[in-house]
Amino acid sequence: MRIAVIADIHGNLDALEAVLHDLRPLVPDALYINGDVVNRGPDSVECMRRVLALDPAGFTLGNHDDLMLLWQERSPALPPEWLTDPFWGATAWSAEKLHAAGLLDPIRGWPMSLRPDSPGLPQVVLAHGSPQHYREAIGLFTTSERGAELLSDADAGVLVASHIHRPMLREQAGHWLINTGAVGAPFDGDPRARYLLLDGVGGEWWPTIRAVPYDRSGILGRFETSGLLEVGGLSARIFWEELKSARSIYTPFWDWTAVQERPKDHAAFEQFRRLHAELFIPV
């Protein structure tokens, strides 16, 4: 049995198409989408249409997918000041595009986790973050104790997470703790689109992270031609910079402004850029 898991597409159609092209000759028995199809990039509508047309075996809910619903509904779960803060312009832009295209409703039914049926093989559990919360990060920093706890709580032989845009394969006491990495916005300094293959052989799962190169000039250009870079303001600029450098910039900037008690504006961002030039080195 062969399972493919793709995640963190983040509105990047070029990366998604590159992954699907790479995947086609590998003929998986099932394809799963492990959250965050949308937001960040300019192609959220196109990516949603593409993945829905694939009719995958299942979706899990990612934090950015859910954010689109929360934003469009002006949910009280969001801090009210976010809804009028120009910093969130990219989120507002993507949510409105998805709403206008009638593509928010499919997200409502996506669960937090999935348990693919795989007779004769250890149980696989998929969750965007962890089965307990879509924002819980699982990666190289996850302690062996926490990994064991997560695997036990989920009753999983293989626990597959995404969310942090950094791939990981960890064998732990006969189990696997995995991060798929990101299709559309890698954060490990390698711009190639990443996804996971799980091959079930001899009663065991054997994982592989596939890395697919693609031309980023199209997606970078569409930040401008789509209107996202202009309307989306600073957050759109940060997402554009992250795509160029294949490094996380948004979260470190957010944390830095909190510590410095600075507004999230262009002046603060330029100072942050000078202090952390290594995050902006193009690859």
C-alpha atoms as a PDB file:
ATOM      1  CA  MET A   1       0.000   0.000   0.000  1.00  0.00           C
ATOM      2  CA  ARG A   2       1.228   3.500  -0.820  1.00  0.00           C
ATOM      3  CA  ILE A   3      -0.109   6.683   0.784  1.00  0.00           C
ATOM      4  CA  ALA A   4       0.840  10.214  -0.274  1.00  0.00           C
ATOM      5  CA  VAL A   5       0.424  13.163   2.095  1.00  0.00           C
ATOM      6  CA  ILE A   6       0.719  16.765   0.941  1.00  0.00           C
ATOM      7  CA  ALA A   7       0.319  19.815   3.170  1.00  0.00           C
ATOM      8  CA  ASP A   8       0.962  23.527   3.563  1.00  0.00           C
ATOM      9  CA  ILE A   9       0.233  24.399  -0.053  1.00  0.00           C
ATOM     10  CA  HIS A  10      -0.525  27.957   1.051  1.00  0.00           C
ATOM     11  CA  GLY A  11      -1.949  29.319  -2.161  1.00  0.00           C
ATOM     12  CA  ASN A  12       1.051  28.328  -4.301  1.00  0.00           C
ATOM     13  CA  LEU A  13      -0.341  26.658  -7.426  1.00  0.00           C
ATOM     14  CA  ASP A  14       3.045  26.235  -9.125  1.00  0.00           C
ATOM     15  CA  ALA A  15       4.432  24.205  -6.212  1.00  0.00           C
ATOM     16  CA  LEU A  16       1.236  22.138  -6.042  1.00  0.00           C
ATOM     17  CA  GLU A  17       1.340  21.312  -9.746  1.00  0.00           C
ATOM     18  CA  ALA A  18       5.019  20.336  -9.471  1.00  0.00           C
ATOM     19  CA  VAL A  19       4.211  17.922  -6.635  1.00  0.00           C
ATOM     20  CA  LEU A  20       1.252  16.408  -8.486  1.00  0.00           C
ATOM     21  CA  HIS A  21       3.425  15.943 -11.581  1.00  0.00           C
ATOM     22  CA  ASP A  22       6.077  14.196  -9.469  1.00  0.00           C
ATOM     23  CA  LEU A  23       3.456  12.057  -7.752  1.00  0.00           C
ATOM     24  CA  ARG A  24       1.576  10.871 -10.837  1.00  0.00           C
ATOM     25  CA  PRO A  25       3.969   8.066 -11.917  1.00  0.00           C
ATOM     26  CA  LEU A  26       4.307   6.878  -8.312  1.00  0.00           C
ATOM     27  CA  VAL A  27       0.614   5.846  -8.341  1.00  0.00           C
ATOM     28  CA  PRO A  28      -0.400   6.157  -4.672  1.00  0.00           C
ATOM     29  CA  ASP A  29      -3.348   4.132  -3.432  1.00  0.00           C
ATOM     30  CA  ALA A  30      -4.573   7.146  -1.467  1.00  0.00           C
ATOM     31  CA  LEU A  31      -3.820  10.864  -1.333  1.00  0.00           C
ATOM     32  CA  TYR A  32      -4.413  12.945   1.791  1.00  0.00           C
ATOM     33  CA  ILE A  33      -4.250  16.735   2.225  1.00  0.00           C
ATOM     34  CA  ASN A  34      -2.901  17.533   5.691  1.00  0.00           C
ATOM     35  CA  GLY A  35      -4.070  21.118   6.096  1.00  0.00           C
ATOM     36  CA  ASP A  36      -3.311  24.679   5.012  1.00  0.00           C
ATOM     37  CA  VAL A  37      -4.329  24.607   1.383  1.00  0.00           C
ATOM     38  CA  VAL A  38      -4.899  28.360   1.439  1.00  0.00           C
ATOM     39  CA  ASN A  39      -3.582  31.793   2.520  1.00  0.00           C
ATOM     40  CA  ARG A  40      -0.092  33.291   2.303  1.00  0.00           C
ATOM     41  CA  GLY A  41       0.220  32.938  -1.490  1.00  0.00           C
ATOM     42  CA  PRO A  42      -1.927  34.537  -4.223  1.00  0.00           C
ATOM     43  CA  ASP A  43      -3.452  31.286  -5.563  1.00  0.00           C
ATOM     44  CA  SER A  44      -5.790  30.209  -2.754  1.00  0.00           C
ATOM     45  CA  VAL A  45      -8.834  29.946  -5.029  1.00  0.00           C
ATOM     46  CA  GLU A  46      -6.965  28.023  -7.707  1.00  0.00           C
ATOM     47  CA  CYS A  47      -5.378  25.669  -5.154  1.00  0.00           C
ATOM     48  CA  MET A  48      -8.729  24.923  -3.527  1.00  0.00           C
ATOM     49  CA  ARG A  49     -10.302  24.134  -6.884  1.00  0.00           C
ATOM     50  CA  ARG A  50      -7.355  21.912  -7.802  1.00  0.00           C
ATOM     51  CA  VAL A  51      -7.341  19.811  -4.634  1.00  0.00           C
ATOM     52  CA  LEU A  52     -11.115  19.441  -4.578  1.00  0.00           C
ATOM     53  CA  ALA A  53     -11.002  18.173  -8.173  1.00  0.00           C
ATOM     54  CA  LEU A  54      -8.463  15.530  -7.122  1.00  0.00           C
ATOM     55  CA  ASP A  55     -11.102  13.999  -4.823  1.00  0.00           C
ATOM     56  CA  PRO A  56      -8.481  12.981  -2.235  1.00  0.00           C
ATOM     57  CA  ALA A  57      -9.116  10.326   0.386  1.00  0.00           C
ATOM     58  CA  GLY A  58      -9.374  13.027   3.059  1.00  0.00           C
ATOM     59  CA  PHE A  59      -8.488  16.494   4.316  1.00  0.00           C
ATOM     60  CA  THR A  60      -7.459  17.649   7.760  1.00  0.00           C
ATOM     61  CA  LEU A  61      -8.117  21.176   8.966  1.00  0.00           C
ATOM     62  CA  GLY A  62      -5.125  23.495   9.039  1.00  0.00           C
ATOM     63  CA  ASN A  63      -4.895  26.682  11.062  1.00  0.00           C
ATOM     64  CA  HIS A  64      -4.861  28.853   7.923  1.00  0.00           C
ATOM     65  CA  ASP A  65      -7.849  27.020   6.456  1.00  0.00           C
ATOM     66  CA  ASP A  66      -9.751  27.669   9.669  1.00  0.00           C
ATOM     67  CA  LEU A  67      -8.549  31.278   9.774  1.00  0.00           C
ATOM     68  CA  MET A  68     -10.295  31.929   6.454  1.00  0.00           C
ATOM     69  CA  LEU A  69     -13.622  30.851   7.990  1.00  0.00           C
ATOM     70  CA  LEU A  70     -13.048  32.745  11.219  1.00  0.00           C
ATOM     71  CA  TRP A  71     -12.079  35.882   9.348  1.00  0.00           C
ATOM     72  CA  GLN A  72     -14.973  35.899   6.911  1.00  0.00           C
ATOM     73  CA  GLU A  73     -17.454  35.261   9.729  1.00  0.00           C
ATOM     74  CA  ARG A  74     -15.867  37.941  11.945  1.00  0.00           C
ATOM     75  CA  SER A  75     -15.636  35.288  14.632  1.00  0.00           C
ATOM     76  CA  PRO A  76     -15.343  36.378  18.281  1.00  0.00           C
ATOM     77  CA  ALA A  77     -12.531  33.807  18.499  1.00  0.00           C
ATOM     78  CA  LEU A  78     -10.342  36.409  16.760  1.00  0.00           C
ATOM     79  CA  PRO A  79      -9.073  39.491  18.595  1.00  0.00           C
ATOM     80  CA  PRO A  80     -11.410  42.240  17.296  1.00  0.00           C
ATOM     81  CA  GLU A  81      -8.527  44.629  16.618  1.00  0.00           C
ATOM     82  CA  TRP A  82      -7.170  42.225  13.993  1.00  0.00           C
ATOM     83  CA  LEU A  83     -10.172  42.866  11.764  1.00  0.00           C
ATOM     84  CA  THR A  84      -9.237  46.531  11.279  1.00  0.00           C
ATOM     85  CA  ASP A  85      -5.436  46.246  11.473  1.00  0.00           C
ATOM     86  CA  PRO A  86      -3.786  46.821   8.044  1.00  0.00           C
ATOM     87  CA  PHE A  87      -1.187  44.210   8.984  1.00  0.00           C
ATOM     88  CA  TRP A  88      -3.808  41.507   8.315  1.00  0.00           C
ATOM     89  CA  GLY A  89      -4.505  42.716   4.789  1.00  0.00           C
ATOM     90  CA  ALA A  90      -3.293  39.498   3.139  1.00  0.00           C
ATOM     91  CA  THR A  91      -5.618  37.399   5.277  1.00  0.00           C
ATOM     92  CA  ALA A  92      -8.590  39.633   4.449  1.00  0.00           C
ATOM     93  CA  TRP A  93      -7.719  39.513   0.732  1.00  0.00           C
ATOM     94  CA  SER A  94      -7.531  35.704   0.610  1.00  0.00           C
ATOM     95  CA  ALA A  95     -10.663  35.191   2.707  1.00  0.00           C
ATOM     96  CA  GLU A  96     -12.694  37.493   0.458  1.00  0.00           C
ATOM     97  CA  LYS A  97     -11.436  35.770  -2.715  1.00  0.00           C
ATOM     98  CA  LEU A  98     -12.400  32.349  -1.354  1.00  0.00           C
ATOM     99  CA  HIS A  99     -15.780  33.625  -0.176  1.00  0.00           C
ATOM    100  CA  ALA A 100     -16.549  35.194  -3.566  1.00  0.00           C
ATOM    101  CA  ALA A 101     -15.653  31.911  -5.289  1.00  0.00           C
ATOM    102  CA  GLY A 102     -17.900  29.898  -2.946  1.00  0.00           C
ATOM    103  CA  LEU A 103     -14.938  27.892  -1.667  1.00  0.00           C
ATOM    104  CA  LEU A 104     -15.189  28.389   2.094  1.00  0.00           C
ATOM    105  CA  ASP A 105     -17.976  25.885   2.724  1.00  0.00           C
ATOM    106  CA  PRO A 106     -15.905  22.753   1.896  1.00  0.00           C
ATOM    107  CA  ILE A 107     -13.466  23.692   4.670  1.00  0.00           C
ATOM    108  CA  ARG A 108     -16.188  23.467   7.323  1.00  0.00           C
ATOM    109  CA  GLY A 109     -16.275  19.684   7.201  1.00  0.00           C
ATOM    110  CA  TRP A 110     -12.556  19.048   7.515  1.00  0.00           C
ATOM    111  CA  PRO A 111     -11.651  17.182  10.752  1.00  0.00           C
ATOM    112  CA  MET A 112      -8.699  17.835  13.048  1.00  0.00           C
ATOM    113  CA  SER A 113      -7.270  14.357  12.419  1.00  0.00           C
ATOM    114  CA  LEU A 114      -7.704  11.300  10.201  1.00  0.00           C
ATOM    115  CA  ARG A 115      -7.020   7.600  10.646  1.00  0.00           C
ATOM    116  CA  PRO A 116      -6.540   6.014   7.198  1.00  0.00           C
ATOM    117  CA  ASP A 117      -7.676   2.428   6.871  1.00  0.00           C
ATOM    118  CA  SER A 118      -4.613   0.217   6.326  1.00  0.00           C
ATOM    119  CA  PRO A 119      -5.281  -3.458   7.170  1.00  0.00           C
ATOM    120  CA  GLY A 120      -2.202  -5.398   8.209  1.00  0.00           C
ATOM    121  CA  LEU A 121      -0.160  -2.266   8.821  1.00  0.00           C
ATOM    122  CA  PRO A 122       0.421  -0.042  11.874  1.00  0.00           C
ATOM    123  CA  GLN A 123      -2.209   2.646  12.349  1.00  0.00           C
ATOM    124  CA  VAL A 124      -1.402   5.945  10.611  1.00  0.00           C
ATOM    125  CA  VAL A 125      -2.795   9.131  12.177  1.00  0.00           C
ATOM    126  CA  LEU A 126      -2.741  12.412  10.263  1.00  0.00           C
ATOM    127  CA  ALA A 127      -3.072  15.840  11.878  1.00  0.00           C
ATOM    128  CA  HIS A 128      -1.992  19.253  10.674  1.00  0.00           C
ATOM    129  CA  GLY A 129      -0.289  20.115  13.973  1.00  0.00           C
ATOM    130  CA  SER A 130      -0.953  17.323  16.439  1.00  0.00           C
ATOM    131  CA  PRO A 131      -4.163  15.344  17.057  1.00  0.00           C
ATOM    132  CA  GLN A 132      -4.697  17.581  20.078  1.00  0.00           C
ATOM    133  CA  HIS A 133      -4.431  20.965  18.324  1.00  0.00           C
ATOM    134  CA  TYR A 134      -3.651  22.158  14.823  1.00  0.00           C
ATOM    135  CA  ARG A 135      -1.161  24.685  16.184  1.00  0.00           C
ATOM    136  CA  GLU A 136       0.961  22.234  18.154  1.00  0.00           C
ATOM    137  CA  ALA A 137       4.311  22.007  16.385  1.00  0.00           C
ATOM    138  CA  ILE A 138       5.988  18.638  15.874  1.00  0.00           C
ATOM    139  CA  GLY A 139       9.576  18.693  14.658  1.00  0.00           C
ATOM    140  CA  LEU A 140      13.211  18.085  15.511  1.00  0.00           C
ATOM    141  CA  PHE A 141      12.703  20.036  18.755  1.00  0.00           C
ATOM    142  CA  THR A 142       9.976  17.631  19.955  1.00  0.00           C
ATOM    143  CA  THR A 143      11.379  15.672  22.886  1.00  0.00           C
ATOM    144  CA  SER A 144      11.332  11.883  22.802  1.00  0.00           C
ATOM    145  CA  GLU A 145       9.053  11.990  25.846  1.00  0.00           C
ATOM    146  CA  ARG A 146       6.517  14.222  24.104  1.00  0.00           C
ATOM    147  CA  GLY A 147       6.786  12.142  20.954  1.00  0.00           C
ATOM    148  CA  ALA A 148       6.034   8.978  22.892  1.00  0.00           C
ATOM    149  CA  GLU A 149       3.096  10.688  24.587  1.00  0.00           C
ATOM    150  CA  LEU A 150       1.638  11.873  21.287  1.00  0.00           C
ATOM    151  CA  LEU A 151       1.991   8.445  19.680  1.00  0.00           C
ATOM    152  CA  SER A 152       0.429   6.739  22.697  1.00  0.00           C
ATOM    153  CA  ASP A 153      -2.457   9.193  23.031  1.00  0.00           C
ATOM    154  CA  ALA A 154      -3.265   8.833  19.335  1.00  0.00           C
ATOM    155  CA  ASP A 155      -2.790   5.036  19.428  1.00  0.00           C
ATOM    156  CA  ALA A 156      -0.623   5.487  16.345  1.00  0.00           C
ATOM    157  CA  GLY A 157       2.143   3.462  14.816  1.00  0.00           C
ATOM    158  CA  VAL A 158       2.854   6.433  12.537  1.00  0.00           C
ATOM    159  CA  LEU A 159       1.948  10.010  13.452  1.00  0.00           C
ATOM    160  CA  VAL A 160       2.107  12.424  10.504  1.00  0.00           C
ATOM    161  CA  ALA A 161       2.139  16.171  11.188  1.00  0.00           C
ATOM    162  CA  SER A 162       2.822  19.261   9.079  1.00  0.00           C
ATOM    163  CA  HIS A 163       2.307  22.950  10.094  1.00  0.00           C
ATOM    164  CA  ILE A 164       5.895  24.107  10.704  1.00  0.00           C
ATOM    165  CA  HIS A 165       7.099  23.763   7.085  1.00  0.00           C
ATOM    166  CA  ARG A 166      10.153  21.718   8.063  1.00  0.00           C
ATOM    167  CA  PRO A 167      10.340  18.014   7.144  1.00  0.00           C
ATOM    168  CA  MET A 168      11.322  15.371   9.676  1.00  0.00           C
ATOM    169  CA  LEU A 169      11.488  11.573   9.849  1.00  0.00           C
ATOM    170  CA  ARG A 170      12.035  10.150  13.327  1.00  0.00           C
ATOM    171  CA  GLU A 171      11.894   6.475  14.193  1.00  0.00           C
ATOM    172  CA  GLN A 172      11.019   6.101  17.857  1.00  0.00           C
ATOM    173  CA  ALA A 173      10.719   2.771  19.649  1.00  0.00           C
ATOM    174  CA  GLY A 174       9.372   1.028  16.568  1.00  0.00           C
ATOM    175  CA  HIS A 175       7.052   3.903  15.663  1.00  0.00           C
ATOM    176  CA  TRP A 176       7.373   6.867  13.311  1.00  0.00           C
ATOM    177  CA  LEU A 177       6.995  10.545  14.165  1.00  0.00           C
ATOM    178  CA  ILE A 178       6.936  12.474  10.873  1.00  0.00           C
ATOM    179  CA  ASN A 179       6.610  15.989   9.567  1.00  0.00           C
ATOM    180  CA  THR A 180       5.739  16.237   5.881  1.00  0.00           C
ATOM    181  CA  GLY A 181       7.357  19.596   5.289  1.00  0.00           C
ATOM    182  CA  ALA A 182       5.585  22.146   3.080  1.00  0.00           C
ATOM    183  CA  VAL A 183       4.534  22.070  -0.545  1.00  0.00           C
ATOM    184  CA  GLY A 184       4.183  25.808  -0.980  1.00  0.00           C
ATOM    185  CA  ALA A 185       6.322  27.573   1.646  1.00  0.00           C
ATOM    186  CA  PRO A 186       9.349  25.615   2.967  1.00  0.00           C
ATOM    187  CA  PHE A 187      11.132  27.108   5.979  1.00  0.00           C
ATOM    188  CA  ASP A 188      14.337  25.042   6.069  1.00  0.00           C
ATOM    189  CA  GLY A 189      16.337  27.050   3.527  1.00  0.00           C
ATOM    190  CA  ASP A 190      15.529  24.600   0.717  1.00  0.00           C
ATOM    191  CA  PRO A 191      12.919  26.026  -1.692  1.00  0.00           C
ATOM    192  CA  ARG A 192      11.897  22.673  -3.174  1.00  0.00           C
ATOM    193  CA  ALA A 193       8.305  21.567  -2.585  1.00  0.00           C
ATOM    194  CA  ARG A 194       8.146  18.728  -0.062  1.00  0.00           C
ATOM    195  CA  TYR A 195       5.649  15.926   0.480  1.00  0.00           C
ATOM    196  CA  LEU A 196       5.469  12.491   2.110  1.00  0.00           C
ATOM    197  CA  LEU A 197       5.196   8.988   0.711  1.00  0.00           C
ATOM    198  CA  LEU A 198       4.365   6.087   3.030  1.00  0.00           C
ATOM    199  CA  ASP A 199       4.982   2.617   1.607  1.00  0.00           C
ATOM    200  CA  GLY A 200       3.520  -0.339   3.452  1.00  0.00           C
ATOM    201  CA  VAL A 201       5.766  -3.351   2.938  1.00  0.00           C
ATOM    202  CA  GLY A 202       5.944  -6.548   4.987  1.00  0.00           C
ATOM    203  CA  GLY A 203       3.654  -5.218   7.691  1.00  0.00           C
ATOM    204  CA  GLU A 204       5.710  -2.035   8.184  1.00  0.00           C
ATOM    205  CA  TRP A 205       5.564   1.532   6.935  1.00  0.00           C
ATOM    206  CA  TRP A 206       8.593   3.001   5.166  1.00  0.00           C
ATOM    207  CA  PRO A 207       8.462   6.818   4.856  1.00  0.00           C
ATOM    208  CA  THR A 208      10.130   9.000   2.227  1.00  0.00           C
ATOM    209  CA  ILE A 209      10.154  12.782   1.978  1.00  0.00           C
ATOM    210  CA  ARG A 210      10.119  13.807  -1.676  1.00  0.00           C
ATOM    211  CA  ALA A 211      11.701  17.155  -2.649  1.00  0.00           C
ATOM    212  CA  VAL A 212      10.507  18.630  -5.952  1.00  0.00           C
ATOM    213  CA  PRO A 213      12.207  21.614  -7.633  1.00  0.00           C
ATOM    214  CA  TYR A 214      10.088  24.135  -9.520  1.00  0.00           C
ATOM    215  CA  ASP A 215      10.414  27.603 -11.031  1.00  0.00           C
ATOM    216  CA  ARG A 216       9.375  30.160  -8.404  1.00  0.00           C
ATOM    217  CA  SER A 217       9.347  33.147 -10.751  1.00  0.00           C
ATOM    218  CA  GLY A 218       5.674  32.644 -11.619  1.00  0.00           C
ATOM    219  CA  ILE A 219       4.369  32.546  -8.051  1.00  0.00           C
ATOM    220  CA  LEU A 220       6.604  35.444  -6.986  1.00  0.00           C
ATOM    221  CA  GLY A 221       5.339  37.502  -9.900  1.00  0.00           C
ATOM    222  CA  ARG A 222       1.691  36.752  -9.121  1.00  0.00           C
ATOM    223  CA  PHE A 223       2.047  38.372  -5.701  1.00  0.00           C
ATOM    224  CA  GLU A 224       2.169  41.614  -7.676  1.00  0.00           C
ATOM    225  CA  THR A 225      -0.055  40.907 -10.692  1.00  0.00           C
ATOM    226  CA  SER A 226      -2.855  39.460  -8.530  1.00  0.00           C
ATOM    227  CA  GLY A 227      -3.019  42.598  -6.401  1.00  0.00           C
ATOM    228  CA  LEU A 228      -2.045  40.729  -3.229  1.00  0.00           C
ATOM    229  CA  LEU A 229       1.246  42.554  -2.694  1.00  0.00           C
ATOM    230  CA  GLU A 230      -0.444  45.956  -2.953  1.00  0.00           C
ATOM    231  CA  VAL A 231      -3.682  45.248  -1.074  1.00  0.00           C
ATOM    232  CA  GLY A 232      -2.239  42.778   1.426  1.00  0.00           C
ATOM    233  CA  GLY A 233       0.228  45.241   2.889  1.00  0.00           C
ATOM    234  CA  LEU A 234       3.046  44.205   5.185  1.00  0.00           C
ATOM    235  CA  SER A 235       1.885  40.628   5.780  1.00  0.00           C
ATOM    236  CA  ALA A 236       1.816  40.002   2.012  1.00  0.00           C
ATOM    237  CA  ARG A 237       5.326  41.453   1.732  1.00  0.00           C
ATOM    238  CA  ILE A 238       6.513  39.080   4.477  1.00  0.00           C
ATOM    239  CA  PHE A 239       4.954  36.042   2.757  1.00  0.00           C
ATOM    240  CA  TRP A 240       6.695  37.108  -0.483  1.00  0.00           C
ATOM    241  CA  GLU A 241      10.029  37.404   1.335  1.00  0.00           C
ATOM    242  CA  GLU A 242       9.554  33.960   2.933  1.00  0.00           C
ATOM    243  CA  LEU A 243       9.009  32.389  -0.466  1.00  0.00           C
ATOM    244  CA  LYS A 244      12.236  33.950  -1.757  1.00  0.00           C
ATOM    245  CA  SER A 245      14.401  32.855   1.171  1.00  0.00           C
ATOM    246  CA  ALA A 246      12.614  29.594   2.142  1.00  0.00           C
ATOM    247  CA  ARG A 247      12.878  30.701   5.765  1.00  0.00           C
ATOM    248  CA  SER A 248      10.374  31.680   8.426  1.00  0.00           C
ATOM    249  CA  ILE A 249      10.135  35.467   8.783  1.00  0.00           C
ATOM    250  CA  TYR A 250       6.533  36.123   9.859  1.00  0.00           C
ATOM    251  CA  THR A 251       6.744  34.375  13.248  1.00  0.00           C
ATOM    252  CA  PRO A 252      10.181  35.767  14.256  1.00  0.00           C
ATOM    253  CA  PHE A 253       8.994  39.257  13.292  1.00  0.00           C
ATOM    254  CA  TRP A 254       5.792  38.822  15.306  1.00  0.00           C
ATOM    255  CA  ASP A 255       7.782  37.649  18.356  1.00  0.00           C
ATOM    256  CA  TRP A 256      10.325  40.471  17.972  1.00  0.00           C
ATOM    257  CA  THR A 257       7.638  43.164  17.861  1.00  0.00           C
ATOM    258  CA  ALA A 258       6.061  41.703  21.006  1.00  0.00           C
ATOM    259  CA  VAL A 259       9.361  41.797  22.899  1.00  0.00           C
ATOM    260  CA  GLN A 260      10.237  45.268  21.605  1.00  0.00           C
ATOM    261  CA  GLU A 261       6.675  46.529  22.126  1.00  0.00           C
ATOM    262  CA  ARG A 262       6.643  47.786  18.552  1.00  0.00           C
ATOM    263  CA  PRO A 263       3.695  48.036  16.148  1.00  0.00           C
ATOM    264  CA  LYS A 264       3.737  45.620  13.225  1.00  0.00           C
ATOM    265  CA  ASP A 265       4.402  48.291  10.635  1.00  0.00           C
ATOM    266  CA  HIS A 266       6.850  48.874   7.804  1.00  0.00           C
ATOM    267  CA  ALA A 267       9.297  50.878   9.940  1.00  0.00           C
ATOM    268  CA  ALA A 268       9.552  48.062  12.478  1.00  0.00           C
ATOM    269  CA  PHE A 269       9.936  45.528   9.687  1.00  0.00           C
ATOM    270  CA  GLU A 270      12.835  47.409   8.101  1.00  0.00           C
ATOM    271  CA  GLN A 271      14.627  47.494  11.444  1.00  0.00           C
ATOM    272  CA  PHE A 272      13.951  43.793  11.952  1.00  0.00           C
ATOM    273  CA  ARG A 273      15.310  43.133   8.456  1.00  0.00           C
ATOM    274  CA  ARG A 274      18.562  44.929   9.259  1.00  0.00           C
ATOM    275  CA  LEU A 275      18.955  42.990  12.521  1.00  0.00           C
ATOM    276  CA  HIS A 276      18.185  39.588  10.963  1.00  0.00           C
ATOM    277  CA  ALA A 277      19.587  39.848   7.452  1.00  0.00           C
ATOM    278  CA  GLU A 278      20.299  36.099   7.367  1.00  0.00           C
ATOM    279  CA  LEU A 279      16.557  35.380   7.117  1.00  0.00           C
ATOM    280  CA  PHE A 280      16.320  37.326   3.863  1.00  0.00           C
ATOM    281  CA  ILE A 281      19.132  35.729   1.877  1.00  0.00           C
ATOM    282  CA  PRO A 282      17.566  34.460  -1.391  1.00  0.00           C
ATOM    283  CA  VAL A 283      18.086  30.806  -2.320  1.00  0.00           C
END
